[in-house]
C-alpha cells in the first residue's frame, strides 16, 4: 500500500511540476469604470488532466484491498458477534461508498480539466480536497461508533448474565 501511495503521489507530483507549475498567471486590466486588475489563470498544457488518473487508480486500489479483506474475513470462522467484525463491516461499507463518491468527484475533475476553459478548473479541485477529508473522518467516526455500540452490547449481555446467576443463587 505504501509503495502504491508513493508511486501515485510521485506520478501526480511529476505531472503537476511539468504542467501546472510551468504555467504563469498574469494580471489583466478590468474594463470597468473603476478600473483595476484581475488575475487570469494560465493556460495549461493539454495533458494536464492526467494529474487525476493516478489518484483515481490509487483510490480504486485501496477500495479493492478493503473489499478483498472483507471477503476473506466473512468467509473465515470469526464470530459474527465479535467487535472486530462489526468494525470491519463498517469499514468495508464506508470504503465502497467513499470510493464511489470520490471516484465520481475525481472523474468530474478530470473531465473539467480536459474539456472546460481554464477559468473553471479551480472549482472542482478545492471540492475534492474537502470531500476526501470529510469522508475520511466519517469512516473514522462510523468505526468508532460501531466499536462503542458493540462494547455496550457486550457489557449489557454480561450484566444480564450476572443478574440471572444471582437470581438463580437466591432460589
N, C-alpha and C. Protein backbone atom coordinates (compact mmCIF):
# COMPACT_ATOMS: atom_id res chain seq x y z
N UNK A 1 0.82 -1.17 0.00
CA UNK A 1 0.00 0.00 0.00
C UNK A 1 0.89 1.26 0.00
N UNK A 2 1.92 1.24 0.79
CA UNK A 2 2.82 2.39 0.85
C UNK A 2 3.50 2.61 -0.50
N UNK A 3 3.87 1.53 -1.15
CA UNK A 3 4.51 1.65 -2.47
C UNK A 3 3.52 2.26 -3.47
N UNK A 4 2.27 1.81 -3.42
CA UNK A 4 1.24 2.37 -4.31
C UNK A 4 1.02 3.84 -4.06
N UNK A 5 1.01 4.23 -2.78
CA UNK A 5 0.84 5.64 -2.44
C UNK A 5 2.00 6.47 -2.96
N UNK A 6 3.22 5.99 -2.75
CA UNK A 6 4.40 6.73 -3.20
C UNK A 6 4.41 6.84 -4.73
N UNK A 7 4.06 5.76 -5.42
CA UNK A 7 4.01 5.82 -6.88
C UNK A 7 2.93 6.78 -7.37
N UNK A 8 1.77 6.72 -6.75
CA UNK A 8 0.67 7.60 -7.15
C UNK A 8 1.03 9.07 -6.92
N UNK A 9 1.52 9.37 -5.74
CA UNK A 9 1.87 10.76 -5.45
C UNK A 9 3.08 11.23 -6.26
N UNK A 10 4.02 10.33 -6.50
CA UNK A 10 5.18 10.69 -7.31
C UNK A 10 4.79 11.02 -8.74
N UNK A 11 3.91 10.20 -9.31
CA UNK A 11 3.46 10.47 -10.68
C UNK A 11 2.64 11.75 -10.74
N UNK A 12 1.75 11.96 -9.76
CA UNK A 12 0.95 13.19 -9.73
C UNK A 12 1.83 14.42 -9.55
N UNK A 13 2.83 14.32 -8.70
CA UNK A 13 3.74 15.44 -8.49
C UNK A 13 4.53 15.74 -9.76
N UNK A 14 4.96 14.69 -10.43
CA UNK A 14 5.71 14.87 -11.68
C UNK A 14 4.85 15.60 -12.72
N UNK A 15 3.60 15.18 -12.88
CA UNK A 15 2.69 15.84 -13.81
C UNK A 15 2.45 17.28 -13.38
N UNK A 16 2.25 17.49 -12.07
CA UNK A 16 1.99 18.83 -11.56
C UNK A 16 3.18 19.76 -11.83
N UNK A 17 4.38 19.28 -11.56
CA UNK A 17 5.57 20.11 -11.78
C UNK A 17 5.76 20.42 -13.25
N UNK A 18 5.56 19.42 -14.11
CA UNK A 18 5.78 19.65 -15.54
C UNK A 18 4.73 20.57 -16.15
N UNK A 19 3.47 20.39 -15.76
CA UNK A 19 2.39 21.11 -16.45
C UNK A 19 1.88 22.33 -15.71
N UNK A 20 1.52 22.16 -14.46
CA UNK A 20 0.84 23.23 -13.75
C UNK A 20 1.81 24.31 -13.30
N UNK A 21 2.95 23.93 -12.75
CA UNK A 21 3.89 24.94 -12.26
C UNK A 21 4.62 25.67 -13.39
N UNK A 22 4.64 25.08 -14.57
CA UNK A 22 5.30 25.76 -15.69
C UNK A 22 4.44 26.88 -16.26
N UNK A 23 3.15 26.86 -15.95
CA UNK A 23 2.25 27.92 -16.44
C UNK A 23 2.39 29.16 -15.55
N UNK A 24 2.30 30.32 -16.15
CA UNK A 24 2.45 31.57 -15.42
C UNK A 24 1.17 32.39 -15.54
N UNK A 25 0.70 32.88 -14.41
CA UNK A 25 -0.50 33.72 -14.43
C UNK A 25 -0.09 35.17 -14.64
N UNK A 26 -1.08 35.97 -15.02
CA UNK A 26 -0.79 37.38 -15.25
C UNK A 26 -1.99 38.22 -14.81
N UNK A 27 -1.74 39.50 -14.61
CA UNK A 27 -2.81 40.43 -14.26
C UNK A 27 -3.30 41.12 -15.52
N UNK A 28 -4.62 41.18 -15.64
CA UNK A 28 -5.24 41.78 -16.81
C UNK A 28 -6.11 42.96 -16.37
N UNK A 29 -6.04 44.08 -17.05
CA UNK A 29 -6.89 45.21 -16.67
C UNK A 29 -8.37 44.90 -16.85
N UNK A 30 -9.20 45.37 -15.93
CA UNK A 30 -10.65 45.17 -16.00
C UNK A 30 -11.25 46.41 -16.68
N UNK A 31 -12.10 46.22 -17.68
CA UNK A 31 -12.69 47.37 -18.37
C UNK A 31 -13.91 47.95 -17.65
N UNK A 32 -13.86 48.05 -16.35
CA UNK A 32 -14.95 48.65 -15.58
C UNK A 32 -14.67 50.13 -15.39
N UNK A 33 -15.70 50.89 -15.01
CA UNK A 33 -15.46 52.33 -14.79
C UNK A 33 -14.44 52.60 -13.68
N UNK A 34 -14.38 51.70 -12.68
CA UNK A 34 -13.43 51.90 -11.58
C UNK A 34 -12.04 51.43 -11.95
N UNK A 35 -11.92 50.64 -12.99
CA UNK A 35 -10.62 50.13 -13.41
C UNK A 35 -10.13 49.01 -12.51
N UNK A 36 -8.85 48.74 -12.52
CA UNK A 36 -8.26 47.70 -11.69
C UNK A 36 -7.73 46.56 -12.53
N UNK A 37 -7.12 45.63 -11.84
CA UNK A 37 -6.56 44.44 -12.50
C UNK A 37 -7.17 43.19 -11.88
N UNK A 38 -7.20 42.12 -12.64
CA UNK A 38 -7.62 40.82 -12.14
C UNK A 38 -6.62 39.77 -12.59
N UNK A 39 -6.48 38.74 -11.79
CA UNK A 39 -5.57 37.66 -12.16
C UNK A 39 -6.27 36.72 -13.13
N UNK A 40 -5.55 36.31 -14.12
CA UNK A 40 -6.07 35.37 -15.11
C UNK A 40 -5.33 34.06 -14.93
N UNK A 41 -6.09 32.98 -14.80
CA UNK A 41 -5.45 31.67 -14.65
C UNK A 41 -4.76 31.31 -15.95
N UNK A 42 -3.55 30.77 -15.86
CA UNK A 42 -2.79 30.50 -17.08
C UNK A 42 -3.38 29.34 -17.88
N UNK A 43 -3.06 29.32 -19.14
CA UNK A 43 -3.46 28.22 -20.00
C UNK A 43 -2.57 27.02 -19.69
N UNK A 44 -3.20 25.91 -19.39
CA UNK A 44 -2.45 24.70 -19.06
C UNK A 44 -2.21 23.87 -20.32
N UNK A 45 -1.18 23.06 -20.30
CA UNK A 45 -0.95 22.16 -21.42
C UNK A 45 -2.13 21.18 -21.57
N UNK A 46 -2.35 20.65 -22.74
CA UNK A 46 -3.50 19.78 -22.97
C UNK A 46 -3.47 18.48 -22.15
N UNK A 47 -2.33 18.07 -21.69
CA UNK A 47 -2.26 16.80 -20.95
C UNK A 47 -2.34 16.99 -19.42
N UNK A 48 -2.67 18.16 -18.94
CA UNK A 48 -2.71 18.44 -17.51
C UNK A 48 -3.76 17.61 -16.78
N UNK A 49 -4.81 17.19 -17.48
CA UNK A 49 -5.85 16.36 -16.85
C UNK A 49 -5.32 15.03 -16.35
N UNK A 50 -4.19 14.59 -16.85
CA UNK A 50 -3.60 13.31 -16.45
C UNK A 50 -3.26 13.30 -14.95
N UNK A 51 -3.18 14.47 -14.35
CA UNK A 51 -2.92 14.59 -12.92
C UNK A 51 -3.91 13.78 -12.09
N UNK A 52 -5.15 13.66 -12.53
CA UNK A 52 -6.20 12.99 -11.75
C UNK A 52 -6.20 11.48 -11.93
N UNK A 53 -5.56 10.95 -12.94
CA UNK A 53 -5.60 9.50 -13.21
C UNK A 53 -4.90 8.69 -12.12
N UNK A 54 -3.66 9.02 -11.69
CA UNK A 54 -3.05 8.20 -10.64
C UNK A 54 -3.80 8.26 -9.31
N UNK A 55 -4.42 9.38 -9.01
CA UNK A 55 -5.18 9.50 -7.77
C UNK A 55 -6.40 8.59 -7.83
N UNK A 56 -7.07 8.56 -8.96
CA UNK A 56 -8.24 7.70 -9.14
C UNK A 56 -7.84 6.22 -9.11
N UNK A 57 -6.74 5.88 -9.71
CA UNK A 57 -6.26 4.49 -9.70
C UNK A 57 -5.89 4.06 -8.28
N UNK A 58 -5.26 4.94 -7.52
CA UNK A 58 -4.89 4.59 -6.14
C UNK A 58 -6.13 4.40 -5.27
N UNK A 59 -7.15 5.23 -5.44
CA UNK A 59 -8.40 5.05 -4.69
C UNK A 59 -9.05 3.71 -5.04
N UNK A 60 -9.02 3.33 -6.31
CA UNK A 60 -9.57 2.04 -6.72
C UNK A 60 -8.77 0.90 -6.09
N UNK A 61 -7.46 1.05 -6.01
CA UNK A 61 -6.60 0.05 -5.39
C UNK A 61 -6.94 -0.11 -3.90
N UNK A 62 -7.12 1.01 -3.20
CA UNK A 62 -7.48 0.95 -1.78
C UNK A 62 -8.83 0.29 -1.57
N UNK A 63 -9.80 0.62 -2.42
CA UNK A 63 -11.12 0.01 -2.31
C UNK A 63 -11.04 -1.50 -2.56
N UNK A 64 -10.26 -1.90 -3.54
CA UNK A 64 -10.10 -3.33 -3.82
C UNK A 64 -9.46 -4.06 -2.64
N UNK A 65 -8.46 -3.45 -2.01
CA UNK A 65 -7.83 -4.08 -0.84
C UNK A 65 -8.84 -4.28 0.30
N UNK A 66 -9.66 -3.28 0.55
CA UNK A 66 -10.64 -3.39 1.63
C UNK A 66 -11.69 -4.44 1.31
N UNK A 67 -12.16 -4.48 0.07
CA UNK A 67 -13.18 -5.46 -0.31
C UNK A 67 -12.61 -6.88 -0.23
N UNK A 68 -11.39 -7.07 -0.67
CA UNK A 68 -10.76 -8.40 -0.59
C UNK A 68 -10.61 -8.83 0.86
N UNK A 69 -10.16 -7.92 1.71
CA UNK A 69 -10.03 -8.24 3.14
C UNK A 69 -11.38 -8.54 3.77
N UNK A 70 -12.40 -7.81 3.37
CA UNK A 70 -13.75 -8.06 3.88
C UNK A 70 -14.26 -9.42 3.46
N UNK A 71 -14.05 -9.79 2.22
CA UNK A 71 -14.49 -11.11 1.74
C UNK A 71 -13.76 -12.22 2.48
N UNK A 72 -12.46 -12.07 2.68
CA UNK A 72 -11.70 -13.09 3.41
C UNK A 72 -12.19 -13.22 4.84
N UNK A 73 -12.51 -12.12 5.48
CA UNK A 73 -12.97 -12.16 6.86
C UNK A 73 -14.35 -12.79 6.96
N UNK A 74 -15.23 -12.46 6.03
CA UNK A 74 -16.58 -13.02 6.07
C UNK A 74 -16.60 -14.52 5.79
N UNK A 75 -15.62 -15.01 5.03
CA UNK A 75 -15.53 -16.44 4.74
C UNK A 75 -14.85 -17.22 5.86
N UNK A 76 -14.14 -16.53 6.74
CA UNK A 76 -13.40 -17.22 7.80
C UNK A 76 -14.34 -17.59 8.95
N UNK A 77 -13.77 -18.19 9.96
CA UNK A 77 -14.54 -18.69 11.10
C UNK A 77 -14.67 -17.66 12.23
N UNK A 78 -14.44 -16.39 11.96
CA UNK A 78 -14.55 -15.37 13.01
C UNK A 78 -16.01 -15.23 13.41
N UNK A 79 -16.22 -15.10 14.69
CA UNK A 79 -17.58 -14.98 15.23
C UNK A 79 -18.27 -13.73 14.67
N UNK A 80 -19.54 -13.87 14.37
CA UNK A 80 -20.33 -12.75 13.86
C UNK A 80 -20.58 -11.70 14.94
N UNK A 81 -20.35 -12.06 16.20
CA UNK A 81 -20.64 -11.15 17.29
C UNK A 81 -19.40 -10.45 17.82
N UNK A 82 -18.28 -10.65 17.19
CA UNK A 82 -17.07 -10.01 17.70
C UNK A 82 -17.04 -8.53 17.32
N UNK A 83 -16.31 -7.77 18.12
CA UNK A 83 -16.19 -6.34 17.89
C UNK A 83 -15.46 -6.04 16.59
N UNK A 84 -14.49 -6.87 16.27
CA UNK A 84 -13.69 -6.67 15.07
C UNK A 84 -14.55 -6.81 13.82
N UNK A 85 -15.48 -7.76 13.82
CA UNK A 85 -16.35 -7.95 12.66
C UNK A 85 -17.27 -6.76 12.46
N UNK A 86 -17.78 -6.20 13.55
CA UNK A 86 -18.66 -5.02 13.44
C UNK A 86 -17.89 -3.84 12.85
N UNK A 87 -16.66 -3.65 13.30
CA UNK A 87 -15.84 -2.56 12.77
C UNK A 87 -15.50 -2.81 11.31
N UNK A 88 -15.17 -4.04 10.96
CA UNK A 88 -14.83 -4.37 9.58
C UNK A 88 -16.03 -4.18 8.65
N UNK A 89 -17.23 -4.52 9.11
CA UNK A 89 -18.43 -4.28 8.31
C UNK A 89 -18.57 -2.81 7.97
N UNK A 90 -18.37 -1.96 8.96
CA UNK A 90 -18.46 -0.51 8.74
C UNK A 90 -17.36 -0.05 7.79
N UNK A 91 -16.15 -0.55 7.96
CA UNK A 91 -15.04 -0.14 7.11
C UNK A 91 -15.26 -0.53 5.65
N UNK A 92 -15.74 -1.74 5.42
CA UNK A 92 -15.99 -2.18 4.04
C UNK A 92 -17.11 -1.35 3.43
N UNK A 93 -18.21 -1.20 4.16
CA UNK A 93 -19.34 -0.42 3.64
C UNK A 93 -18.91 1.02 3.32
N UNK A 94 -18.24 1.66 4.25
CA UNK A 94 -17.85 3.05 4.05
C UNK A 94 -16.77 3.21 2.98
N UNK A 95 -15.88 2.25 2.87
CA UNK A 95 -14.84 2.34 1.85
C UNK A 95 -15.43 2.26 0.45
N UNK A 96 -16.42 1.41 0.26
CA UNK A 96 -17.07 1.33 -1.05
C UNK A 96 -17.83 2.62 -1.34
N UNK A 97 -18.52 3.15 -0.35
CA UNK A 97 -19.26 4.41 -0.54
C UNK A 97 -18.29 5.55 -0.84
N UNK A 98 -17.18 5.59 -0.11
CA UNK A 98 -16.18 6.64 -0.34
C UNK A 98 -15.58 6.51 -1.74
N UNK A 99 -15.29 5.29 -2.16
CA UNK A 99 -14.72 5.11 -3.49
C UNK A 99 -15.68 5.61 -4.56
N UNK A 100 -16.96 5.32 -4.41
CA UNK A 100 -17.94 5.79 -5.40
C UNK A 100 -18.00 7.31 -5.40
N UNK A 101 -18.09 7.90 -4.21
CA UNK A 101 -18.20 9.37 -4.12
C UNK A 101 -16.94 10.06 -4.64
N UNK A 102 -15.78 9.59 -4.18
CA UNK A 102 -14.53 10.23 -4.63
C UNK A 102 -14.23 9.90 -6.09
N UNK A 103 -14.60 8.71 -6.53
CA UNK A 103 -14.40 8.36 -7.94
C UNK A 103 -15.17 9.28 -8.85
N UNK A 104 -16.43 9.55 -8.49
CA UNK A 104 -17.24 10.48 -9.29
C UNK A 104 -16.63 11.89 -9.24
N UNK A 105 -16.17 12.29 -8.07
CA UNK A 105 -15.57 13.62 -7.93
C UNK A 105 -14.28 13.73 -8.75
N UNK A 106 -13.42 12.72 -8.66
CA UNK A 106 -12.18 12.76 -9.42
C UNK A 106 -12.44 12.70 -10.92
N UNK A 107 -13.43 11.91 -11.34
CA UNK A 107 -13.77 11.87 -12.76
C UNK A 107 -14.31 13.22 -13.23
N UNK A 108 -15.10 13.87 -12.37
CA UNK A 108 -15.61 15.20 -12.72
C UNK A 108 -14.44 16.18 -12.89
N UNK A 109 -13.47 16.12 -11.99
CA UNK A 109 -12.30 16.99 -12.12
C UNK A 109 -11.54 16.69 -13.41
N UNK A 110 -11.37 15.41 -13.71
CA UNK A 110 -10.67 15.02 -14.92
C UNK A 110 -11.39 15.58 -16.15
N UNK A 111 -12.72 15.46 -16.18
CA UNK A 111 -13.47 15.95 -17.33
C UNK A 111 -13.42 17.47 -17.41
N UNK A 112 -13.53 18.15 -16.27
CA UNK A 112 -13.45 19.61 -16.28
C UNK A 112 -12.07 20.06 -16.76
N UNK A 113 -11.02 19.44 -16.29
CA UNK A 113 -9.67 19.81 -16.71
C UNK A 113 -9.45 19.48 -18.19
N UNK A 114 -10.15 18.49 -18.69
CA UNK A 114 -9.99 18.08 -20.09
C UNK A 114 -10.79 18.97 -21.04
N UNK A 115 -12.02 19.30 -20.64
CA UNK A 115 -12.94 19.94 -21.58
C UNK A 115 -13.21 21.43 -21.37
N UNK A 116 -13.13 21.91 -20.14
CA UNK A 116 -13.57 23.27 -19.85
C UNK A 116 -12.46 24.29 -20.02
N UNK A 117 -12.90 25.54 -19.97
CA UNK A 117 -11.94 26.65 -20.05
C UNK A 117 -11.09 26.69 -18.78
N UNK A 118 -9.95 27.30 -18.88
CA UNK A 118 -9.02 27.34 -17.75
C UNK A 118 -9.57 28.09 -16.54
N UNK A 119 -10.52 28.96 -16.73
CA UNK A 119 -11.05 29.72 -15.60
C UNK A 119 -11.89 28.85 -14.66
N UNK A 120 -12.35 27.71 -15.11
CA UNK A 120 -13.22 26.86 -14.28
C UNK A 120 -12.50 25.66 -13.67
N UNK A 121 -11.23 25.46 -13.94
CA UNK A 121 -10.59 24.24 -13.46
C UNK A 121 -10.32 24.27 -11.96
N UNK A 122 -10.33 25.43 -11.35
CA UNK A 122 -10.10 25.51 -9.91
C UNK A 122 -11.32 25.12 -9.09
N UNK A 123 -12.49 25.19 -9.67
CA UNK A 123 -13.73 24.96 -8.92
C UNK A 123 -13.79 23.54 -8.36
N UNK A 124 -13.66 22.48 -9.15
CA UNK A 124 -13.77 21.14 -8.55
C UNK A 124 -12.54 20.71 -7.76
N UNK A 125 -11.41 21.35 -7.97
CA UNK A 125 -10.19 20.94 -7.28
C UNK A 125 -10.28 21.14 -5.78
N UNK A 126 -10.78 22.27 -5.35
CA UNK A 126 -10.96 22.52 -3.91
C UNK A 126 -12.01 21.63 -3.31
N UNK A 127 -13.02 21.31 -4.09
CA UNK A 127 -14.09 20.44 -3.62
C UNK A 127 -13.56 19.03 -3.34
N UNK A 128 -12.65 18.53 -4.17
CA UNK A 128 -12.13 17.18 -3.96
C UNK A 128 -11.33 17.07 -2.67
N UNK A 129 -10.59 18.12 -2.34
CA UNK A 129 -9.82 18.11 -1.09
C UNK A 129 -10.77 18.06 0.10
N UNK A 130 -11.78 18.90 0.07
CA UNK A 130 -12.76 18.92 1.17
C UNK A 130 -13.51 17.61 1.25
N UNK A 131 -13.91 17.06 0.12
CA UNK A 131 -14.69 15.82 0.10
C UNK A 131 -13.88 14.65 0.65
N UNK A 132 -12.62 14.54 0.28
CA UNK A 132 -11.82 13.42 0.77
C UNK A 132 -11.58 13.53 2.28
N UNK A 133 -11.38 14.74 2.79
CA UNK A 133 -11.19 14.92 4.23
C UNK A 133 -12.46 14.58 5.00
N UNK A 134 -13.58 15.08 4.55
CA UNK A 134 -14.85 14.84 5.25
C UNK A 134 -15.20 13.36 5.23
N UNK A 135 -15.06 12.71 4.09
CA UNK A 135 -15.41 11.29 4.01
C UNK A 135 -14.44 10.42 4.82
N UNK A 136 -13.18 10.81 4.86
CA UNK A 136 -12.22 10.07 5.68
C UNK A 136 -12.56 10.15 7.16
N UNK A 137 -12.95 11.33 7.62
CA UNK A 137 -13.36 11.48 9.03
C UNK A 137 -14.64 10.73 9.32
N UNK A 138 -15.53 10.65 8.34
CA UNK A 138 -16.78 9.91 8.54
C UNK A 138 -16.49 8.42 8.76
N UNK A 139 -15.52 7.88 8.05
CA UNK A 139 -15.15 6.47 8.24
C UNK A 139 -14.66 6.26 9.67
N UNK A 140 -13.79 7.15 10.13
CA UNK A 140 -13.27 7.02 11.50
C UNK A 140 -14.39 7.13 12.53
N UNK A 141 -15.29 8.08 12.36
CA UNK A 141 -16.39 8.23 13.31
C UNK A 141 -17.34 7.04 13.28
N UNK A 142 -17.63 6.53 12.10
CA UNK A 142 -18.51 5.36 11.99
C UNK A 142 -17.88 4.12 12.60
N UNK A 143 -16.57 3.93 12.41
CA UNK A 143 -15.88 2.79 13.01
C UNK A 143 -15.87 2.92 14.54
N UNK A 144 -15.65 4.12 15.03
CA UNK A 144 -15.67 4.34 16.49
C UNK A 144 -17.06 4.08 17.06
N UNK A 145 -18.08 4.52 16.35
CA UNK A 145 -19.45 4.28 16.80
C UNK A 145 -19.78 2.78 16.82
N UNK A 146 -19.33 2.06 15.79
CA UNK A 146 -19.58 0.62 15.75
C UNK A 146 -18.87 -0.09 16.89
N UNK A 147 -17.65 0.32 17.20
CA UNK A 147 -16.92 -0.29 18.31
C UNK A 147 -17.59 0.02 19.64
N UNK A 148 -18.04 1.24 19.83
CA UNK A 148 -18.70 1.61 21.08
C UNK A 148 -20.04 0.91 21.22
N UNK A 149 -20.78 0.80 20.15
CA UNK A 149 -22.07 0.11 20.18
C UNK A 149 -21.89 -1.37 20.51
N UNK A 150 -20.90 -2.00 19.91
CA UNK A 150 -20.64 -3.43 20.17
C UNK A 150 -20.18 -3.62 21.61
N UNK A 151 -19.37 -2.70 22.13
CA UNK A 151 -18.89 -2.79 23.51
C UNK A 151 -20.07 -2.65 24.48
N UNK A 152 -20.98 -1.73 24.19
CA UNK A 152 -22.16 -1.55 25.05
C UNK A 152 -23.05 -2.79 25.03
N UNK A 153 -23.19 -3.41 23.88
CA UNK A 153 -24.00 -4.63 23.78
C UNK A 153 -23.37 -5.76 24.57
N UNK A 154 -22.05 -5.92 24.46
CA UNK A 154 -21.37 -6.97 25.21
C UNK A 154 -21.47 -6.72 26.72
N UNK A 155 -21.35 -5.47 27.15
CA UNK A 155 -21.46 -5.14 28.56
C UNK A 155 -22.85 -5.43 29.07
N UNK A 156 -23.86 -5.08 28.31
CA UNK A 156 -25.24 -5.34 28.70
C UNK A 156 -25.50 -6.83 28.81
N UNK A 157 -24.98 -7.60 27.88
CA UNK A 157 -25.17 -9.05 27.93
C UNK A 157 -24.50 -9.64 29.16
N UNK A 158 -23.30 -9.24 29.47
CA UNK A 158 -22.60 -9.76 30.63
C UNK A 158 -23.31 -9.37 31.92
N UNK A 159 -23.82 -8.16 32.02
CA UNK A 159 -24.55 -7.71 33.21
C UNK A 159 -25.81 -8.53 33.40
N UNK A 160 -26.52 -8.79 32.32
CA UNK A 160 -27.74 -9.59 32.41
C UNK A 160 -27.42 -11.00 32.87
N UNK A 161 -26.35 -11.59 32.38
CA UNK A 161 -25.96 -12.93 32.81
C UNK A 161 -25.65 -12.96 34.30
N UNK A 162 -24.96 -11.96 34.79
CA UNK A 162 -24.61 -11.91 36.21
C UNK A 162 -25.87 -11.78 37.05
N UNK A 163 -26.79 -10.92 36.64
CA UNK A 163 -28.02 -10.74 37.41
C UNK A 163 -28.83 -12.04 37.42
N UNK A 164 -28.85 -12.76 36.32
CA UNK A 164 -29.60 -14.00 36.27
C UNK A 164 -28.96 -15.03 37.18
N UNK A 165 -27.65 -15.06 37.26
CA UNK A 165 -26.99 -16.03 38.12
C UNK A 165 -27.24 -15.68 39.59
N UNK A 166 -27.35 -14.41 39.93
CA UNK A 166 -27.64 -14.01 41.30
C UNK A 166 -29.05 -14.45 41.66
N UNK A 167 -29.98 -14.26 40.74
CA UNK A 167 -31.38 -14.68 40.99
C UNK A 167 -31.43 -16.19 41.14
N UNK A 168 -30.65 -16.91 40.37
CA UNK A 168 -30.65 -18.36 40.46
C UNK A 168 -30.09 -18.81 41.82
N UNK A 169 -29.08 -18.13 42.36
CA UNK A 169 -28.49 -18.49 43.64
C UNK A 169 -29.50 -18.30 44.75
N UNK A 170 -30.31 -17.29 44.71
CA UNK A 170 -31.29 -17.00 45.76
C UNK A 170 -32.37 -18.08 45.83
N UNK A 171 -32.68 -18.74 44.78
CA UNK A 171 -33.73 -19.75 44.80
C UNK A 171 -33.22 -20.92 45.54
